[in-house]
């Protein structure tokens, strides 16, 4: 079986400002721990933020309706990224 741990997707700036625990630097620390678990258990780790985060580490406002969740139209982008990333892993 292919086991994959995915990092936590970043949030929009307004969400991070109202919930400091969700600031990009804090989510990055969480993702580092997830990556560490993946390495420890010899499974795969993938990080969506390289594809979705802006240059400051936030989810762009144009992709989220509440600062935390992707618009339905953008879930297709996530799905494509996920499928492409998995394809690379299994090659």
PDB file of N, CA and C in Angstrom:
ATOM      1  N   UNK A   1       0.839  -1.182   0.000  1.00  0.00           N
ATOM      2  CA  UNK A   1       0.000   0.000   0.000  1.00  0.00           C
ATOM      3  C   UNK A   1       0.885   1.247   0.000  1.00  0.00           C
ATOM      4  N   UNK A   2       0.434   2.246  -0.679  1.00  0.00           N
ATOM      5  CA  UNK A   2       1.115   3.535  -0.701  1.00  0.00           C
ATOM      6  C   UNK A   2       0.526   4.384   0.422  1.00  0.00           C
ATOM      7  N   UNK A   3       1.357   4.761   1.360  1.00  0.00           N
ATOM      8  CA  UNK A   3       0.900   5.599   2.466  1.00  0.00           C
ATOM      9  C   UNK A   3       1.513   6.977   2.306  1.00  0.00           C
ATOM     10  N   UNK A   4       0.653   7.987   2.342  1.00  0.00           N
ATOM     11  CA  UNK A   4       1.078   9.363   2.120  1.00  0.00           C
ATOM     12  C   UNK A   4       0.517  10.241   3.237  1.00  0.00           C
ATOM     13  N   UNK A   5       1.386  11.022   3.840  1.00  0.00           N
ATOM     14  CA  UNK A   5       0.948  12.040   4.791  1.00  0.00           C
ATOM     15  C   UNK A   5       1.041  13.387   4.090  1.00  0.00           C
ATOM     16  N   UNK A   6      -0.035  14.133   4.147  1.00  0.00           N
ATOM     17  CA  UNK A   6      -0.054  15.444   3.520  1.00  0.00           C
ATOM     18  C   UNK A   6       0.064  16.519   4.585  1.00  0.00           C
ATOM     19  N   UNK A   7       0.869  17.532   4.292  1.00  0.00           N
ATOM     20  CA  UNK A   7       0.999  18.661   5.197  1.00  0.00           C
ATOM     21  C   UNK A   7      -0.292  19.459   5.267  1.00  0.00           C
ATOM     22  N   UNK A   8      -0.394  20.273   6.279  1.00  0.00           N
ATOM     23  CA  UNK A   8      -1.551  21.130   6.483  1.00  0.00           C
ATOM     24  C   UNK A   8      -1.489  22.301   5.503  1.00  0.00           C
ATOM     25  N   UNK A   9      -2.565  22.529   4.798  1.00  0.00           N
ATOM     26  CA  UNK A   9      -2.648  23.651   3.869  1.00  0.00           C
ATOM     27  C   UNK A   9      -2.689  24.955   4.654  1.00  0.00           C
ATOM     28  N   UNK A  10      -1.938  25.924   4.192  1.00  0.00           N
ATOM     29  CA  UNK A  10      -1.907  27.218   4.855  1.00  0.00           C
ATOM     30  C   UNK A  10      -3.278  27.899   4.805  1.00  0.00           C
ATOM     31  N   UNK A  11      -3.421  28.993   5.499  1.00  0.00           N
ATOM     32  CA  UNK A  11      -4.681  29.750   5.527  1.00  0.00           C
ATOM     33  C   UNK A  11      -4.432  31.158   5.004  1.00  0.00           C
ATOM     34  N   UNK A  12      -5.521  31.888   4.793  1.00  0.00           N
ATOM     35  CA  UNK A  12      -5.417  33.270   4.346  1.00  0.00           C
ATOM     36  C   UNK A  12      -4.907  34.185   5.458  1.00  0.00           C
ATOM     37  N   UNK A  13      -4.433  35.343   5.047  1.00  0.00           N
ATOM     38  CA  UNK A  13      -3.869  36.305   6.000  1.00  0.00           C
ATOM     39  C   UNK A  13      -4.884  36.695   7.080  1.00  0.00           C
ATOM     40  N   UNK A  14      -6.130  36.963   6.706  1.00  0.00           N
ATOM     41  CA  UNK A  14      -7.127  37.397   7.696  1.00  0.00           C
ATOM     42  C   UNK A  14      -7.388  36.300   8.729  1.00  0.00           C
ATOM     43  N   UNK A  15      -7.427  35.058   8.267  1.00  0.00           N
ATOM     44  CA  UNK A  15      -7.640  33.939   9.195  1.00  0.00           C
ATOM     45  C   UNK A  15      -6.449  33.837  10.154  1.00  0.00           C
ATOM     46  N   UNK A  16      -5.251  33.922   9.624  1.00  0.00           N
ATOM     47  CA  UNK A  16      -4.050  33.807  10.453  1.00  0.00           C
ATOM     48  C   UNK A  16      -3.957  34.945  11.462  1.00  0.00           C
ATOM     49  N   UNK A  17      -4.405  36.136  11.070  1.00  0.00           N
ATOM     50  CA  UNK A  17      -4.362  37.271  11.998  1.00  0.00           C
ATOM     51  C   UNK A  17      -5.376  37.107  13.120  1.00  0.00           C
ATOM     52  N   UNK A  18      -6.507  36.456  12.835  1.00  0.00           N
ATOM     53  CA  UNK A  18      -7.514  36.260  13.883  1.00  0.00           C
ATOM     54  C   UNK A  18      -7.247  34.994  14.701  1.00  0.00           C
ATOM     55  N   UNK A  19      -6.422  34.116  14.184  1.00  0.00           N
ATOM     56  CA  UNK A  19      -6.084  32.862  14.873  1.00  0.00           C
ATOM     57  C   UNK A  19      -4.577  32.642  14.730  1.00  0.00           C
ATOM     58  N   UNK A  20      -3.781  33.288  15.593  1.00  0.00           N
ATOM     59  CA  UNK A  20      -2.315  33.238  15.451  1.00  0.00           C
ATOM     60  C   UNK A  20      -1.710  31.837  15.377  1.00  0.00           C
ATOM     61  N   UNK A  21      -2.381  30.851  15.953  1.00  0.00           N
ATOM     62  CA  UNK A  21      -1.875  29.481  15.866  1.00  0.00           C
ATOM     63  C   UNK A  21      -1.816  29.006  14.414  1.00  0.00           C
ATOM     64  N   UNK A  22      -2.568  29.671  13.525  1.00  0.00           N
ATOM     65  CA  UNK A  22      -2.612  29.274  12.118  1.00  0.00           C
ATOM     66  C   UNK A  22      -1.677  30.105  11.237  1.00  0.00           C
ATOM     67  N   UNK A  23      -0.824  30.905  11.845  1.00  0.00           N
ATOM     68  CA  UNK A  23       0.135  31.693  11.069  1.00  0.00           C
ATOM     69  C   UNK A  23       1.057  30.752  10.292  1.00  0.00           C
ATOM     70  N   UNK A  24       1.521  31.182   9.126  1.00  0.00           N
ATOM     71  CA  UNK A  24       2.361  30.296   8.305  1.00  0.00           C
ATOM     72  C   UNK A  24       3.541  29.686   9.059  1.00  0.00           C
ATOM     73  N   UNK A  25       4.188  30.445   9.921  1.00  0.00           N
ATOM     74  CA  UNK A  25       5.337  29.886  10.636  1.00  0.00           C
ATOM     75  C   UNK A  25       4.921  28.773  11.600  1.00  0.00           C
ATOM     76  N   UNK A  26       3.733  28.876  12.179  1.00  0.00           N
ATOM     77  CA  UNK A  26       3.254  27.810  13.067  1.00  0.00           C
ATOM     78  C   UNK A  26       2.833  26.580  12.277  1.00  0.00           C
ATOM     79  N   UNK A  27       2.151  26.801  11.146  1.00  0.00           N
ATOM     80  CA  UNK A  27       1.756  25.664  10.317  1.00  0.00           C
ATOM     81  C   UNK A  27       2.995  24.986   9.726  1.00  0.00           C
ATOM     82  N   UNK A  28       4.014  25.763   9.445  1.00  0.00           N
ATOM     83  CA  UNK A  28       5.266  25.190   8.951  1.00  0.00           C
ATOM     84  C   UNK A  28       5.878  24.247   9.991  1.00  0.00           C
ATOM     85  N   UNK A  29       5.825  24.629  11.249  1.00  0.00           N
ATOM     86  CA  UNK A  29       6.338  23.761  12.315  1.00  0.00           C
ATOM     87  C   UNK A  29       5.535  22.462  12.402  1.00  0.00           C
ATOM     88  N   UNK A  30       4.223  22.576  12.263  1.00  0.00           N
ATOM     89  CA  UNK A  30       3.373  21.384  12.272  1.00  0.00           C
ATOM     90  C   UNK A  30       3.739  20.488  11.096  1.00  0.00           C
ATOM     91  N   UNK A  31       3.914  21.106   9.928  1.00  0.00           N
ATOM     92  CA  UNK A  31       4.254  20.321   8.746  1.00  0.00           C
ATOM     93  C   UNK A  31       5.631  19.667   8.874  1.00  0.00           C
ATOM     94  N   UNK A  32       6.556  20.333   9.542  1.00  0.00           N
ATOM     95  CA  UNK A  32       7.864  19.715   9.780  1.00  0.00           C
ATOM     96  C   UNK A  32       7.716  18.468  10.641  1.00  0.00           C
ATOM     97  N   UNK A  33       6.811  18.536  11.603  1.00  0.00           N
ATOM     98  CA  UNK A  33       6.582  17.361  12.460  1.00  0.00           C
ATOM     99  C   UNK A  33       5.926  16.233  11.672  1.00  0.00           C
ATOM    100  N   UNK A  34       4.988  16.586  10.798  1.00  0.00           N
ATOM    101  CA  UNK A  34       4.356  15.573   9.948  1.00  0.00           C
ATOM    102  C   UNK A  34       5.400  14.943   9.031  1.00  0.00           C
ATOM    103  N   UNK A  35       6.260  15.765   8.452  1.00  0.00           N
ATOM    104  CA  UNK A  35       7.328  15.249   7.592  1.00  0.00           C
ATOM    105  C   UNK A  35       8.253  14.334   8.386  1.00  0.00           C
ATOM    106  N   UNK A  36       8.531  14.695   9.617  1.00  0.00           N
ATOM    107  CA  UNK A  36       9.358  13.849  10.478  1.00  0.00           C
ATOM    108  C   UNK A  36       8.715  12.500  10.746  1.00  0.00           C
ATOM    109  N   UNK A  37       7.407  12.503  10.961  1.00  0.00           N
ATOM    110  CA  UNK A  37       6.692  11.233  11.153  1.00  0.00           C
ATOM    111  C   UNK A  37       6.757  10.381   9.889  1.00  0.00           C
ATOM    112  N   UNK A  38       6.593  11.035   8.753  1.00  0.00           N
ATOM    113  CA  UNK A  38       6.667  10.294   7.490  1.00  0.00           C
ATOM    114  C   UNK A  38       8.038   9.646   7.338  1.00  0.00           C
ATOM    115  N   UNK A  39       9.068  10.395   7.663  1.00  0.00           N
ATOM    116  CA  UNK A  39      10.424   9.853   7.566  1.00  0.00           C
ATOM    117  C   UNK A  39      10.619   8.721   8.573  1.00  0.00           C
ATOM    118  N   UNK A  40      10.156   8.921   9.779  1.00  0.00           N
ATOM    119  CA  UNK A  40      10.308   7.912  10.835  1.00  0.00           C
ATOM    120  C   UNK A  40       9.642   6.596  10.441  1.00  0.00           C
ATOM    121  N   UNK A  41       8.461   6.690   9.853  1.00  0.00           N
ATOM    122  CA  UNK A  41       7.710   5.482   9.508  1.00  0.00           C
ATOM    123  C   UNK A  41       7.902   5.059   8.049  1.00  0.00           C
ATOM    124  N   UNK A  42       8.832   5.739   7.377  1.00  0.00           N
ATOM    125  CA  UNK A  42       9.187   5.404   6.001  1.00  0.00           C
ATOM    126  C   UNK A  42       7.980   5.414   5.070  1.00  0.00           C
ATOM    127  N   UNK A  43       7.203   6.475   5.186  1.00  0.00           N
ATOM    128  CA  UNK A  43       6.090   6.703   4.269  1.00  0.00           C
ATOM    129  C   UNK A  43       6.351   8.036   3.562  1.00  0.00           C
ATOM    130  N   UNK A  44       5.507   8.388   2.649  1.00  0.00           N
ATOM    131  CA  UNK A  44       5.708   9.593   1.849  1.00  0.00           C
ATOM    132  C   UNK A  44       5.059  10.811   2.507  1.00  0.00           C
ATOM    133  N   UNK A  45       5.706  11.944   2.335  1.00  0.00           N
ATOM    134  CA  UNK A  45       5.166  13.227   2.802  1.00  0.00           C
ATOM    135  C   UNK A  45       5.037  14.145   1.596  1.00  0.00           C
ATOM    136  N   UNK A  46       3.898  14.811   1.482  1.00  0.00           N
ATOM    137  CA  UNK A  46       3.700  15.799   0.431  1.00  0.00           C
ATOM    138  C   UNK A  46       3.200  17.094   1.066  1.00  0.00           C
ATOM    139  N   UNK A  47       3.620  18.208   0.491  1.00  0.00           N
ATOM    140  CA  UNK A  47       3.291  19.513   1.053  1.00  0.00           C
ATOM    141  C   UNK A  47       2.575  20.364   0.001  1.00  0.00           C
ATOM    142  N   UNK A  48       1.303  20.663   0.203  1.00  0.00           N
ATOM    143  CA  UNK A  48       0.555  21.430  -0.782  1.00  0.00           C
ATOM    144  C   UNK A  48       0.949  22.903  -0.847  1.00  0.00           C
ATOM    145  N   UNK A  49       1.656  23.378   0.145  1.00  0.00           N
ATOM    146  CA  UNK A  49       1.917  24.817   0.220  1.00  0.00           C
ATOM    147  C   UNK A  49       2.860  25.329  -0.855  1.00  0.00           C
ATOM    148  N   UNK A  50       3.703  24.462  -1.382  1.00  0.00           N
ATOM    149  CA  UNK A  50       4.550  24.871  -2.488  1.00  0.00           C
ATOM    150  C   UNK A  50       3.737  25.251  -3.718  1.00  0.00           C
ATOM    151  N   UNK A  51       2.558  24.688  -3.813  1.00  0.00           N
ATOM    152  CA  UNK A  51       1.677  24.951  -4.949  1.00  0.00           C
ATOM    153  C   UNK A  51       0.648  26.038  -4.647  1.00  0.00           C
ATOM    154  N   UNK A  52       0.180  26.113  -3.421  1.00  0.00           N
ATOM    155  CA  UNK A  52      -0.955  26.983  -3.109  1.00  0.00           C
ATOM    156  C   UNK A  52      -0.626  28.247  -2.322  1.00  0.00           C
ATOM    157  N   UNK A  53       0.439  28.252  -1.560  1.00  0.00           N
ATOM    158  CA  UNK A  53       0.770  29.425  -0.736  1.00  0.00           C
ATOM    159  C   UNK A  53       1.370  30.534  -1.596  1.00  0.00           C
ATOM    160  N   UNK A  54       1.094  31.770  -1.216  1.00  0.00           N
ATOM    161  CA  UNK A  54       1.718  32.895  -1.908  1.00  0.00           C
ATOM    162  C   UNK A  54       3.149  33.075  -1.403  1.00  0.00           C
ATOM    163  N   UNK A  55       3.828  34.111  -1.848  1.00  0.00           N
ATOM    164  CA  UNK A  55       5.244  34.301  -1.500  1.00  0.00           C
ATOM    165  C   UNK A  55       5.469  34.582  -0.017  1.00  0.00           C
ATOM    166  N   UNK A  56       4.393  34.916   0.715  1.00  0.00           N
ATOM    167  CA  UNK A  56       4.518  35.132   2.157  1.00  0.00           C
ATOM    168  C   UNK A  56       4.010  33.948   2.975  1.00  0.00           C
ATOM    169  N   UNK A  57       3.563  32.911   2.290  1.00  0.00           N
ATOM    170  CA  UNK A  57       3.118  31.706   2.987  1.00  0.00           C
ATOM    171  C   UNK A  57       1.628  31.639   3.284  1.00  0.00           C
ATOM    172  N   UNK A  58       0.853  32.561   2.737  1.00  0.00           N
ATOM    173  CA  UNK A  58      -0.594  32.578   2.969  1.00  0.00           C
ATOM    174  C   UNK A  58      -1.349  32.003   1.779  1.00  0.00           C
ATOM    175  N   UNK A  59      -2.537  31.498   2.040  1.00  0.00           N
ATOM    176  CA  UNK A  59      -3.438  31.079   0.984  1.00  0.00           C
ATOM    177  C   UNK A  59      -4.005  32.344   0.341  1.00  0.00           C
ATOM    178  N   UNK A  60      -3.879  32.506  -0.968  1.00  0.00           N
ATOM    179  CA  UNK A  60      -4.382  33.720  -1.605  1.00  0.00           C
ATOM    180  C   UNK A  60      -5.886  33.894  -1.407  1.00  0.00           C
ATOM    181  N   UNK A  61      -6.316  35.131  -1.166  1.00  0.00           N
ATOM    182  CA  UNK A  61      -7.738  35.411  -0.949  1.00  0.00           C
ATOM    183  C   UNK A  61      -8.600  34.926  -2.102  1.00  0.00           C
ATOM    184  N   UNK A  62      -8.080  34.945  -3.317  1.00  0.00           N
ATOM    185  CA  UNK A  62      -8.852  34.534  -4.489  1.00  0.00           C
ATOM    186  C   UNK A  62      -9.162  33.034  -4.489  1.00  0.00           C
ATOM    187  N   UNK A  63      -8.518  32.277  -3.592  1.00  0.00           N
ATOM    188  CA  UNK A  63      -8.719  30.828  -3.561  1.00  0.00           C
ATOM    189  C   UNK A  63      -9.567  30.355  -2.386  1.00  0.00           C
ATOM    190  N   UNK A  64      -9.975  31.283  -1.515  1.00  0.00           N
ATOM    191  CA  UNK A  64     -10.682  30.864  -0.306  1.00  0.00           C
ATOM    192  C   UNK A  64     -11.862  31.774  -0.013  1.00  0.00           C
ATOM    193  N   UNK A  65     -12.947  31.182   0.432  1.00  0.00           N
ATOM    194  CA  UNK A  65     -14.148  31.969   0.733  1.00  0.00           C
ATOM    195  C   UNK A  65     -14.182  32.415   2.189  1.00  0.00           C
ATOM    196  N   UNK A  66     -13.421  31.746   3.038  1.00  0.00           N
ATOM    197  CA  UNK A  66     -13.451  32.098   4.461  1.00  0.00           C
ATOM    198  C   UNK A  66     -12.055  32.249   5.061  1.00  0.00           C
ATOM    199  N   UNK A  67     -11.031  32.202   4.224  1.00  0.00           N
ATOM    200  CA  UNK A  67      -9.666  32.312   4.715  1.00  0.00           C
ATOM    201  C   UNK A  67      -9.058  30.980   5.123  1.00  0.00           C
ATOM    202  N   UNK A  68      -9.860  29.934   5.077  1.00  0.00           N
ATOM    203  CA  UNK A  68      -9.389  28.630   5.540  1.00  0.00           C
ATOM    204  C   UNK A  68      -9.651  27.512   4.529  1.00  0.00           C
ATOM    205  N   UNK A  69     -10.783  27.561   3.866  1.00  0.00           N
ATOM    206  CA  UNK A  69     -11.177  26.490   2.953  1.00  0.00           C
ATOM    207  C   UNK A  69     -11.127  26.974   1.507  1.00  0.00           C
ATOM    208  N   UNK A  70     -10.713  26.086   0.622  1.00  0.00           N
ATOM    209  CA  UNK A  70     -10.679  26.420  -0.794  1.00  0.00           C
ATOM    210  C   UNK A  70     -12.090  26.586  -1.348  1.00  0.00           C
ATOM    211  N   UNK A  71     -12.224  27.498  -2.308  1.00  0.00           N
ATOM    212  CA  UNK A  71     -13.464  27.548  -3.079  1.00  0.00           C
ATOM    213  C   UNK A  71     -13.619  26.210  -3.789  1.00  0.00           C
ATOM    214  N   UNK A  72     -14.851  25.838  -4.066  1.00  0.00           N
ATOM    215  CA  UNK A  72     -15.099  24.577  -4.774  1.00  0.00           C
ATOM    216  C   UNK A  72     -14.336  24.526  -6.090  1.00  0.00           C
ATOM    217  N   UNK A  73     -14.281  25.662  -6.806  1.00  0.00           N
ATOM    218  CA  UNK A  73     -13.578  25.690  -8.094  1.00  0.00           C
ATOM    219  C   UNK A  73     -12.094  25.383  -7.935  1.00  0.00           C
ATOM    220  N   UNK A  74     -11.527  25.682  -6.788  1.00  0.00           N
ATOM    221  CA  UNK A  74     -10.100  25.457  -6.562  1.00  0.00           C
ATOM    222  C   UNK A  74      -9.791  24.082  -5.988  1.00  0.00           C
ATOM    223  N   UNK A  75     -10.801  23.354  -5.576  1.00  0.00           N
ATOM    224  CA  UNK A  75     -10.533  21.986  -5.121  1.00  0.00           C
ATOM    225  C   UNK A  75     -10.067  21.129  -6.287  1.00  0.00           C
ATOM    226  N   UNK A  76     -10.488  21.491  -7.503  1.00  0.00           N
ATOM    227  CA  UNK A  76      -9.991  20.791  -8.690  1.00  0.00           C
ATOM    228  C   UNK A  76      -8.495  20.979  -8.860  1.00  0.00           C
ATOM    229  N   UNK A  77      -7.998  22.173  -8.541  1.00  0.00           N
ATOM    230  CA  UNK A  77      -6.550  22.418  -8.595  1.00  0.00           C
ATOM    231  C   UNK A  77      -5.817  21.556  -7.572  1.00  0.00           C
ATOM    232  N   UNK A  78      -6.395  21.481  -6.370  1.00  0.00           N
ATOM    233  CA  UNK A  78      -5.791  20.628  -5.348  1.00  0.00           C
ATOM    234  C   UNK A  78      -5.800  19.174  -5.812  1.00  0.00           C
ATOM    235  N   UNK A  79      -6.920  18.732  -6.369  1.00  0.00           N
ATOM    236  CA  UNK A  79      -7.025  17.355  -6.844  1.00  0.00           C
ATOM    237  C   UNK A  79      -5.979  17.069  -7.916  1.00  0.00           C
ATOM    238  N   UNK A  80      -5.807  17.989  -8.857  1.00  0.00           N
ATOM    239  CA  UNK A  80      -4.816  17.795  -9.915  1.00  0.00           C
ATOM    240  C   UNK A  80      -3.402  17.751  -9.330  1.00  0.00           C
ATOM    241  N   UNK A  81      -3.110  18.680  -8.414  1.00  0.00           N
ATOM    242  CA  UNK A  81      -1.802  18.681  -7.757  1.00  0.00           C
ATOM    243  C   UNK A  81      -1.570  17.348  -7.042  1.00  0.00           C
ATOM    244  N   UNK A  82      -2.568  16.890  -6.300  1.00  0.00           N
ATOM    245  CA  UNK A  82      -2.447  15.648  -5.547  1.00  0.00           C
ATOM    246  C   UNK A  82      -2.184  14.472  -6.482  1.00  0.00           C
ATOM    247  N   UNK A  83      -2.972  14.354  -7.535  1.00  0.00           N
ATOM    248  CA  UNK A  83      -2.800  13.241  -8.477  1.00  0.00           C
ATOM    249  C   UNK A  83      -1.434  13.293  -9.153  1.00  0.00           C
ATOM    250  N   UNK A  84      -1.013  14.479  -9.586  1.00  0.00           N
ATOM    251  CA  UNK A  84       0.304  14.623 -10.212  1.00  0.00           C
ATOM    252  C   UNK A  84       1.426  14.246  -9.241  1.00  0.00           C
ATOM    253  N   UNK A  85       1.283  14.658  -7.998  1.00  0.00           N
ATOM    254  CA  UNK A  85       2.301  14.370  -6.986  1.00  0.00           C
ATOM    255  C   UNK A  85       2.374  12.876  -6.698  1.00  0.00           C
ATOM    256  N   UNK A  86       1.233  12.222  -6.601  1.00  0.00           N
ATOM    257  CA  UNK A  86       1.207  10.775  -6.361  1.00  0.00           C
ATOM    258  C   UNK A  86       1.806  10.031  -7.550  1.00  0.00           C
ATOM    259  N   UNK A  87       1.488  10.488  -8.767  1.00  0.00           N
ATOM    260  CA  UNK A  87       2.080   9.868  -9.943  1.00  0.00           C
ATOM    261  C   UNK A  87       3.604   9.915  -9.910  1.00  0.00           C
ATOM    262  N   UNK A  88       4.142  11.046  -9.447  1.00  0.00           N
ATOM    263  CA  UNK A  88       5.600  11.182  -9.342  1.00  0.00           C
ATOM    264  C   UNK A  88       6.172  10.212  -8.310  1.00  0.00           C
ATOM    265  N   UNK A  89       5.446  10.015  -7.230  1.00  0.00           N
ATOM    266  CA  UNK A  89       5.918   9.103  -6.182  1.00  0.00           C
ATOM    267  C   UNK A  89       5.968   7.664  -6.689  1.00  0.00           C
ATOM    268  N   UNK A  90       4.977   7.249  -7.425  1.00  0.00           N
ATOM    269  CA  UNK A  90       4.909   5.830  -7.826  1.00  0.00           C
ATOM    270  C   UNK A  90       5.728   5.512  -9.068  1.00  0.00           C
ATOM    271  N   UNK A  91       6.319   6.515  -9.686  1.00  0.00           N
ATOM    272  CA  UNK A  91       7.171   6.235 -10.860  1.00  0.00           C
ATOM    273  C   UNK A  91       8.429   5.540 -10.464  1.00  0.00           C
TER     274      UNK A  91
END
